[in-house]
C-alpha atoms as a PDB file:
ATOM      1  CA  MET A   1     -31.837 -80.495  26.463  1.00  0.00           C
ATOM      2  CA  SER A   2     -29.097 -80.593  29.029  1.00  0.00           C
ATOM      3  CA  ARG A   3     -25.519 -80.281  27.881  1.00  0.00           C
ATOM      4  CA  ASN A   4     -24.647 -83.742  29.281  1.00  0.00           C
ATOM      5  CA  VAL A   5     -27.402 -85.447  27.291  1.00  0.00           C
ATOM      6  CA  ALA A   6     -26.390 -83.603  24.118  1.00  0.00           C
ATOM      7  CA  ARG A   7     -22.741 -84.510  24.665  1.00  0.00           C
ATOM      8  CA  GLY A   8     -23.681 -88.175  25.112  1.00  0.00           C
ATOM      9  CA  LEU A   9     -25.730 -88.208  21.919  1.00  0.00           C
ATOM     10  CA  HIS A  10     -22.940 -86.549  19.945  1.00  0.00           C
ATOM     11  CA  LYS A  11     -20.366 -89.032  21.199  1.00  0.00           C
ATOM     12  CA  ALA A  12     -22.544 -92.017  20.319  1.00  0.00           C
ATOM     13  CA  SER A  13     -23.329 -90.755  16.831  1.00  0.00           C
ATOM     14  CA  ALA A  14     -19.674 -89.983  16.141  1.00  0.00           C
ATOM     15  CA  SER A  15     -18.568 -93.591  16.615  1.00  0.00           C
ATOM     16  CA  LEU A  16     -20.344 -95.276  13.712  1.00  0.00           C
ATOM     17  CA  MET A  17     -18.275 -96.194  10.673  1.00  0.00           C
ATOM     18  CA  GLN A  18     -20.147 -95.703   7.401  1.00  0.00           C
ATOM     19  CA  TYR A  19     -19.798 -98.516   4.871  1.00  0.00           C
ATOM     20  CA  THR A  20     -19.997 -97.674   1.177  1.00  0.00           C
ATOM     21  CA  GLY A  21     -19.151 -99.570  -1.987  1.00  0.00           C
ATOM     22  CA  ALA A  22     -20.103-103.236  -2.105  1.00  0.00           C
ATOM     23  CA  PRO A  23     -22.711-104.090   0.553  1.00  0.00           C
ATOM     24  CA  LEU A  24     -21.332-106.118   3.458  1.00  0.00           C
ATOM     25  CA  GLU A  25     -24.102-108.691   2.986  1.00  0.00           C
ATOM     26  CA  GLU A  26     -22.755-109.383  -0.513  1.00  0.00           C
ATOM     27  CA  MET A  27     -19.784-111.108   1.150  1.00  0.00           C
ATOM     28  CA  ILE A  28     -22.123-113.989   2.005  1.00  0.00           C
ATOM     29  CA  ILE A  29     -23.151-114.372  -1.638  1.00  0.00           C
ATOM     30  CA  THR A  30     -19.603-114.189  -3.019  1.00  0.00           C
ATOM     31  CA  ASN A  31     -17.748-116.093  -0.275  1.00  0.00           C
ATOM     32  CA  GLY A  32     -20.418-118.565   0.850  1.00  0.00           C
ATOM     33  CA  THR A  33     -22.633-118.959   3.882  1.00  0.00           C
ATOM     34  CA  ILE A  34     -19.784-120.255   6.055  1.00  0.00           C
ATOM     35  CA  GLU A  35     -16.936-117.931   5.029  1.00  0.00           C
ATOM     36  CA  GLY A  36     -19.052-114.856   4.221  1.00  0.00           C
ATOM     37  CA  PRO A  37     -20.106-114.051   7.802  1.00  0.00           C
ATOM     38  CA  LEU A  38     -16.483-114.457   8.939  1.00  0.00           C
ATOM     39  CA  TRP A  39     -15.390-111.860   6.355  1.00  0.00           C
ATOM     40  CA  ILE A  40     -18.151-109.480   7.456  1.00  0.00           C
ATOM     41  CA  ASP A  41     -17.111-109.859  11.097  1.00  0.00           C
ATOM     42  CA  ALA A  42     -13.427-109.291  10.306  1.00  0.00           C
ATOM     43  CA  THR A  43     -14.187-106.250   8.136  1.00  0.00           C
ATOM     44  CA  LYS A  44     -16.420-104.607  10.731  1.00  0.00           C
ATOM     45  CA  ALA A  45     -14.058-105.387  13.618  1.00  0.00           C
ATOM     46  CA  VAL A  46     -10.989-103.949  11.880  1.00  0.00           C
ATOM     47  CA  CYS A  47     -12.776-100.855  10.543  1.00  0.00           C
ATOM     48  CA  ASN A  48     -14.313-100.080  13.939  1.00  0.00           C
ATOM     49  CA  LEU A  49     -10.933-100.456  15.661  1.00  0.00           C
ATOM     50  CA  ILE A  50      -9.317 -98.096  13.173  1.00  0.00           C
ATOM     51  CA  GLU A  51     -12.055 -95.524  13.700  1.00  0.00           C
ATOM     52  CA  LYS A  52     -11.685 -95.858  17.475  1.00  0.00           C
ATOM     53  CA  TYR A  53      -7.983 -94.979  17.315  1.00  0.00           C
ATOM     54  CA  VAL A  54      -8.175 -92.521  14.397  1.00  0.00           C
ATOM     55  CA  PRO A  55     -11.640 -90.929  14.686  1.00  0.00           C
ATOM     56  CA  GLU A  56     -11.124 -88.732  11.611  1.00  0.00           C
ATOM     57  CA  ILE A  57     -11.575 -91.909   9.541  1.00  0.00           C
ATOM     58  CA  THR A  58     -15.319 -92.338   9.213  1.00  0.00           C
ATOM     59  CA  THR A  59     -15.959 -94.125   5.915  1.00  0.00           C
ATOM     60  CA  ALA A  60     -14.971 -97.618   4.814  1.00  0.00           C
ATOM     61  CA  GLU A  61     -15.439 -98.222   1.095  1.00  0.00           C
ATOM     62  CA  ILE A  62     -15.701-101.964   0.443  1.00  0.00           C
ATOM     63  CA  GLN A  63     -13.879-102.470  -2.856  1.00  0.00           C
ATOM     64  CA  GLY A  64     -15.434-105.753  -3.877  1.00  0.00           C
ATOM     65  CA  SER A  65     -16.951-108.377  -1.649  1.00  0.00           C
ATOM     66  CA  LYS A  66     -14.925-111.346  -2.926  1.00  0.00           C
ATOM     67  CA  ALA A  67     -11.947-112.393  -0.821  1.00  0.00           C
ATOM     68  CA  HIS A  68      -8.853-112.493  -3.030  1.00  0.00           C
ATOM     69  CA  PHE A  69      -5.060-112.604  -2.987  1.00  0.00           C
ATOM     70  CA  SER A  70      -3.411-109.200  -2.615  1.00  0.00           C
ATOM     71  CA  SER A  71      -1.863-107.808  -5.779  1.00  0.00           C
ATOM     72  CA  ASN A  72       0.178-105.374  -3.646  1.00  0.00           C
ATOM     73  CA  TYR A  73       1.719-108.002  -1.374  1.00  0.00           C
ATOM     74  CA  ARG A  74       2.397-111.025  -3.559  1.00  0.00           C
ATOM     75  CA  GLU A  75       4.195-112.790  -0.695  1.00  0.00           C
ATOM     76  CA  ASP A  76       0.950-112.746   1.314  1.00  0.00           C
ATOM     77  CA  GLN A  77      -0.621-116.162   0.703  1.00  0.00           C
ATOM     78  CA  SER A  78      -3.815-115.414   2.639  1.00  0.00           C
ATOM     79  CA  PHE A  79      -7.031-114.129   1.149  1.00  0.00           C
ATOM     80  CA  VAL A  80      -7.915-110.496   1.865  1.00  0.00           C
ATOM     81  CA  VAL A  81     -10.814-108.092   1.501  1.00  0.00           C
ATOM     82  CA  THR A  82      -9.856-104.630   0.251  1.00  0.00           C
ATOM     83  CA  VAL A  83     -11.352-101.561   1.928  1.00  0.00           C
ATOM     84  CA  GLY A  84     -10.653 -97.899   1.142  1.00  0.00           C
ATOM     85  CA  LEU A  85     -10.592 -95.482   4.079  1.00  0.00           C
ATOM     86  CA  LYS A  86     -11.859 -91.906   3.957  1.00  0.00           C
ATOM     87  CA  THR A  87     -11.997 -89.055   6.439  1.00  0.00           C
ATOM     88  CA  ASN A  88     -15.163 -87.255   7.453  1.00  0.00           C
ATOM     89  CA  ALA A  89     -14.175 -84.616   4.841  1.00  0.00           C
ATOM     90  CA  GLY A  90     -14.207 -87.316   2.134  1.00  0.00           C
ATOM     91  CA  THR A  91     -10.429 -87.471   1.666  1.00  0.00           C
ATOM     92  CA  ARG A  92      -9.210 -90.949   0.727  1.00  0.00           C
ATOM     93  CA  ILE A  93      -6.257 -91.686   2.995  1.00  0.00           C
ATOM     94  CA  GLY A  94      -5.474 -95.223   1.899  1.00  0.00           C
ATOM     95  CA  THR A  95      -6.529 -98.818   1.611  1.00  0.00           C
ATOM     96  CA  ILE A  96      -6.506-101.692   4.055  1.00  0.00           C
ATOM     97  CA  HIS A  97      -6.201-105.379   3.260  1.00  0.00           C
ATOM     98  CA  ILE A  98      -8.100-107.325   5.889  1.00  0.00           C
ATOM     99  CA  HIS A  99      -7.405-110.996   6.588  1.00  0.00           C
ATOM    100  CA  GLN A 100     -10.088-113.286   7.953  1.00  0.00           C
ATOM    101  CA  ASP A 101      -8.181-113.598  11.258  1.00  0.00           C
ATOM    102  CA  LYS A 102      -8.581-109.791  11.694  1.00  0.00           C
ATOM    103  CA  THR A 103      -4.973-108.975  10.897  1.00  0.00           C
ATOM    104  CA  TRP A 104      -4.567-106.195   8.346  1.00  0.00           C
ATOM    105  CA  LYS A 105      -2.158-104.043   6.377  1.00  0.00           C
ATOM    106  CA  PHE A 106      -2.494-100.347   5.569  1.00  0.00           C
ATOM    107  CA  LEU A 107      -1.449 -98.940   2.203  1.00  0.00           C
ATOM    108  CA  ALA A 108      -1.401 -95.155   2.550  1.00  0.00           C
ATOM    109  CA  SER A 109      -2.320 -92.847  -0.303  1.00  0.00           C
ATOM    110  CA  ARG A 110      -0.329 -89.652  -0.822  1.00  0.00           C
ATOM    111  CA  GLU A 111      -2.893 -87.813   1.313  1.00  0.00           C
ATOM    112  CA  GLY A 112      -2.592 -90.514   3.965  1.00  0.00           C
ATOM    113  CA  ARG A 113       1.176 -90.102   4.140  1.00  0.00           C
ATOM    114  CA  GLU A 114       1.218 -86.299   3.948  1.00  0.00           C
ATOM    115  CA  GLY A 115      -1.679 -85.959   6.393  1.00  0.00           C
ATOM    116  CA  GLY A 116       0.116 -88.086   8.985  1.00  0.00           C
ATOM    117  CA  PHE A 117      -2.444 -90.906   8.914  1.00  0.00           C
ATOM    118  CA  ALA A 118       0.113 -93.579   7.966  1.00  0.00           C
ATOM    119  CA  GLU A 119       2.310 -92.621  10.909  1.00  0.00           C
ATOM    120  CA  ASN A 120      -0.653 -92.337  13.300  1.00  0.00           C
ATOM    121  CA  ILE A 121      -1.954 -95.779  12.337  1.00  0.00           C
ATOM    122  CA  ALA A 122       1.494 -97.376  12.622  1.00  0.00           C
ATOM    123  CA  GLN A 123       2.079 -95.837  16.064  1.00  0.00           C
ATOM    124  CA  ALA A 124      -1.418 -96.480  17.469  1.00  0.00           C
ATOM    125  CA  ARG A 125      -0.742-100.184  18.125  1.00  0.00           C
ATOM    126  CA  ILE A 126      -4.154-101.132  16.800  1.00  0.00           C
ATOM    127  CA  ALA A 127      -4.883-104.841  17.238  1.00  0.00           C
ATOM    128  CA  GLY A 128      -4.085-106.906  14.159  1.00  0.00           C
ATOM    129  CA  PHE A 129      -1.986-104.256  12.388  1.00  0.00           C
ATOM    130  CA  ILE A 130       0.824-105.724  10.277  1.00  0.00           C
ATOM    131  CA  ASN A 131       3.540-103.175   9.575  1.00  0.00           C
ATOM    132  CA  SER A 132       4.579-103.467   5.963  1.00  0.00           C
END
């Protein structure tokens, strides 16, 4: 196999976010047939953008499929879906709260702060990011 073909295959396979935890399809059951697909779209869009800008983040752990009010940001009056982010080494670097309009907040874990992920995400100017 030529090096160019191999390089192309590697690049394509490296750009797929893995989803663990609650299945994405469960969002339709818990949020309804109208709202559910919107939550799936927002979750996938935000997670894929994050991975594009910070490729070390490869796993999105859906922490419940039901949209809810954030317990971390009580002033936020919009529903959110909570997703944990992990690196390809399995290190949990934080949690994101995704809004249906594809805006989101990042709550870094200790590893996320010490590993520079919080700073990288804040400085990357990723669409929809709300600095908190």
